[in-house]
């Protein structure tokens, strides 16, 4: 009977050690998950920032292109309004 009590005590002690080790392992894994979650959130933030920069860059390029088109159109309109040089045949001279 004492042998059986001793075996149960040893089994209980072994299970208690295993449970403690498992709790430590779970705690380490939870810490790793928290760290990985922070990394993923940081990556998501950086990805959003890069997307915003790309969008703003595309908008700036579009605006610059429109401005260039307007400048060219303005120059063409100004050039079209200029009178061609007159050719004097002597008709209106006094």
Protein backbone atom coordinates (compact mmCIF):
# COMPACT_ATOMS: atom_id res chain seq x y z
CA UNK A 1 0.00 0.00 0.00
CA UNK A 2 2.83 2.41 0.84
CA UNK A 3 4.36 1.55 -2.49
CA UNK A 4 1.13 2.53 -4.27
CA UNK A 5 0.94 5.82 -2.30
CA UNK A 6 4.59 6.54 -3.21
CA UNK A 7 3.89 5.81 -6.92
CA UNK A 8 0.87 8.12 -6.85
CA UNK A 9 2.96 10.82 -5.17
CA UNK A 10 5.71 10.44 -7.80
CA UNK A 11 3.10 10.52 -10.58
CA UNK A 12 1.53 13.62 -9.07
CA UNK A 13 4.92 15.35 -8.74
CA UNK A 14 5.83 14.43 -12.32
CA UNK A 15 2.51 15.74 -13.63
CA UNK A 16 2.94 18.93 -11.62
CA UNK A 17 6.40 19.47 -13.16
CA UNK A 18 5.05 18.79 -16.64
CA UNK A 19 2.18 21.20 -16.05
CA UNK A 20 4.60 23.89 -14.87
CA UNK A 21 6.76 23.36 -17.97
CA UNK A 22 3.68 23.53 -20.19
CA UNK A 23 2.60 26.78 -18.53
CA UNK A 24 6.05 28.25 -19.16
CA UNK A 25 5.93 27.09 -22.76
CA UNK A 26 2.46 28.60 -23.19
CA UNK A 27 3.69 31.87 -21.68
CA UNK A 28 6.66 31.97 -24.11
CA UNK A 29 4.35 31.26 -27.03
CA UNK A 30 1.96 34.01 -25.92
CA UNK A 31 4.91 36.42 -25.72
CA UNK A 32 5.98 35.39 -29.24
CA UNK A 33 2.43 35.87 -30.52
CA UNK A 34 2.32 39.36 -28.99
CA UNK A 35 5.65 40.19 -30.63
CA UNK A 36 4.53 38.81 -33.99
CA UNK A 37 1.26 40.72 -33.73
CA UNK A 38 3.20 43.93 -33.12
CA UNK A 39 5.39 43.19 -36.16
CA UNK A 40 2.34 42.51 -38.34
CA UNK A 41 0.70 45.74 -37.18
CA UNK A 42 3.90 47.65 -37.93
CA UNK A 43 4.11 46.07 -41.39
CA UNK A 44 0.47 46.93 -42.07
CA UNK A 45 1.14 50.52 -41.03
CA UNK A 46 4.22 50.73 -43.29
CA UNK A 47 2.30 49.16 -46.18
CA UNK A 48 -0.47 51.74 -45.79
CA UNK A 49 2.12 54.52 -45.69
CA UNK A 50 3.75 53.24 -48.90
CA UNK A 51 0.35 52.97 -50.60
CA UNK A 52 -0.46 56.54 -49.57
CA UNK A 53 2.90 57.75 -50.89
CA UNK A 54 2.31 55.97 -54.20
CA UNK A 55 -1.18 57.43 -54.49
CA UNK A 56 0.07 60.93 -53.72
CA UNK A 57 2.93 60.47 -56.19
CA UNK A 58 0.50 59.41 -58.89
CA UNK A 59 -1.73 62.40 -58.09
CA UNK A 60 1.26 64.76 -58.28
CA UNK A 61 2.29 63.27 -61.64
CA UNK A 62 -1.26 63.66 -62.96
CA UNK A 63 -1.40 67.26 -61.77
CA UNK A 64 2.00 68.00 -63.33
CA UNK A 65 0.87 66.43 -66.62
CA UNK A 66 -2.34 68.49 -66.62
CA UNK A 67 -0.37 71.65 -65.87
CA UNK A 68 2.01 70.92 -68.74
CA UNK A 69 -0.93 70.31 -71.07
CA UNK A 70 -2.50 73.62 -70.02
CA UNK A 71 0.76 75.47 -70.58
CA UNK A 72 1.15 73.95 -74.03
CA UNK A 73 -2.46 74.74 -74.87
CA UNK A 74 -1.98 78.31 -73.64
CA UNK A 75 1.13 78.77 -75.79
CA UNK A 76 -0.67 77.32 -78.81
CA UNK A 77 -3.61 79.68 -78.28
CA UNK A 78 -1.28 82.66 -77.92
CA UNK A 79 0.59 81.63 -81.06
CA UNK A 80 -2.69 81.25 -82.95
CA UNK A 81 -3.82 84.80 -82.03
CA UNK A 82 -0.72 86.43 -83.44
CA UNK A 83 -1.25 88.13 -86.72
CA UNK A 84 0.81 86.93 -89.60
CA UNK A 85 3.34 89.43 -90.87
CA UNK A 86 1.74 91.86 -93.29
CA UNK A 87 2.68 91.79 -96.90
CA UNK A 88 2.79 95.34 -98.26
CA UNK A 89 1.94 95.49 -101.91
CA UNK A 90 1.63 99.23 -101.72
CA UNK A 91 -2.13 99.28 -102.01
CA UNK A 92 -3.01 101.32 -98.93
CA UNK A 93 -0.05 103.67 -98.89
CA UNK A 94 -0.63 107.41 -99.34
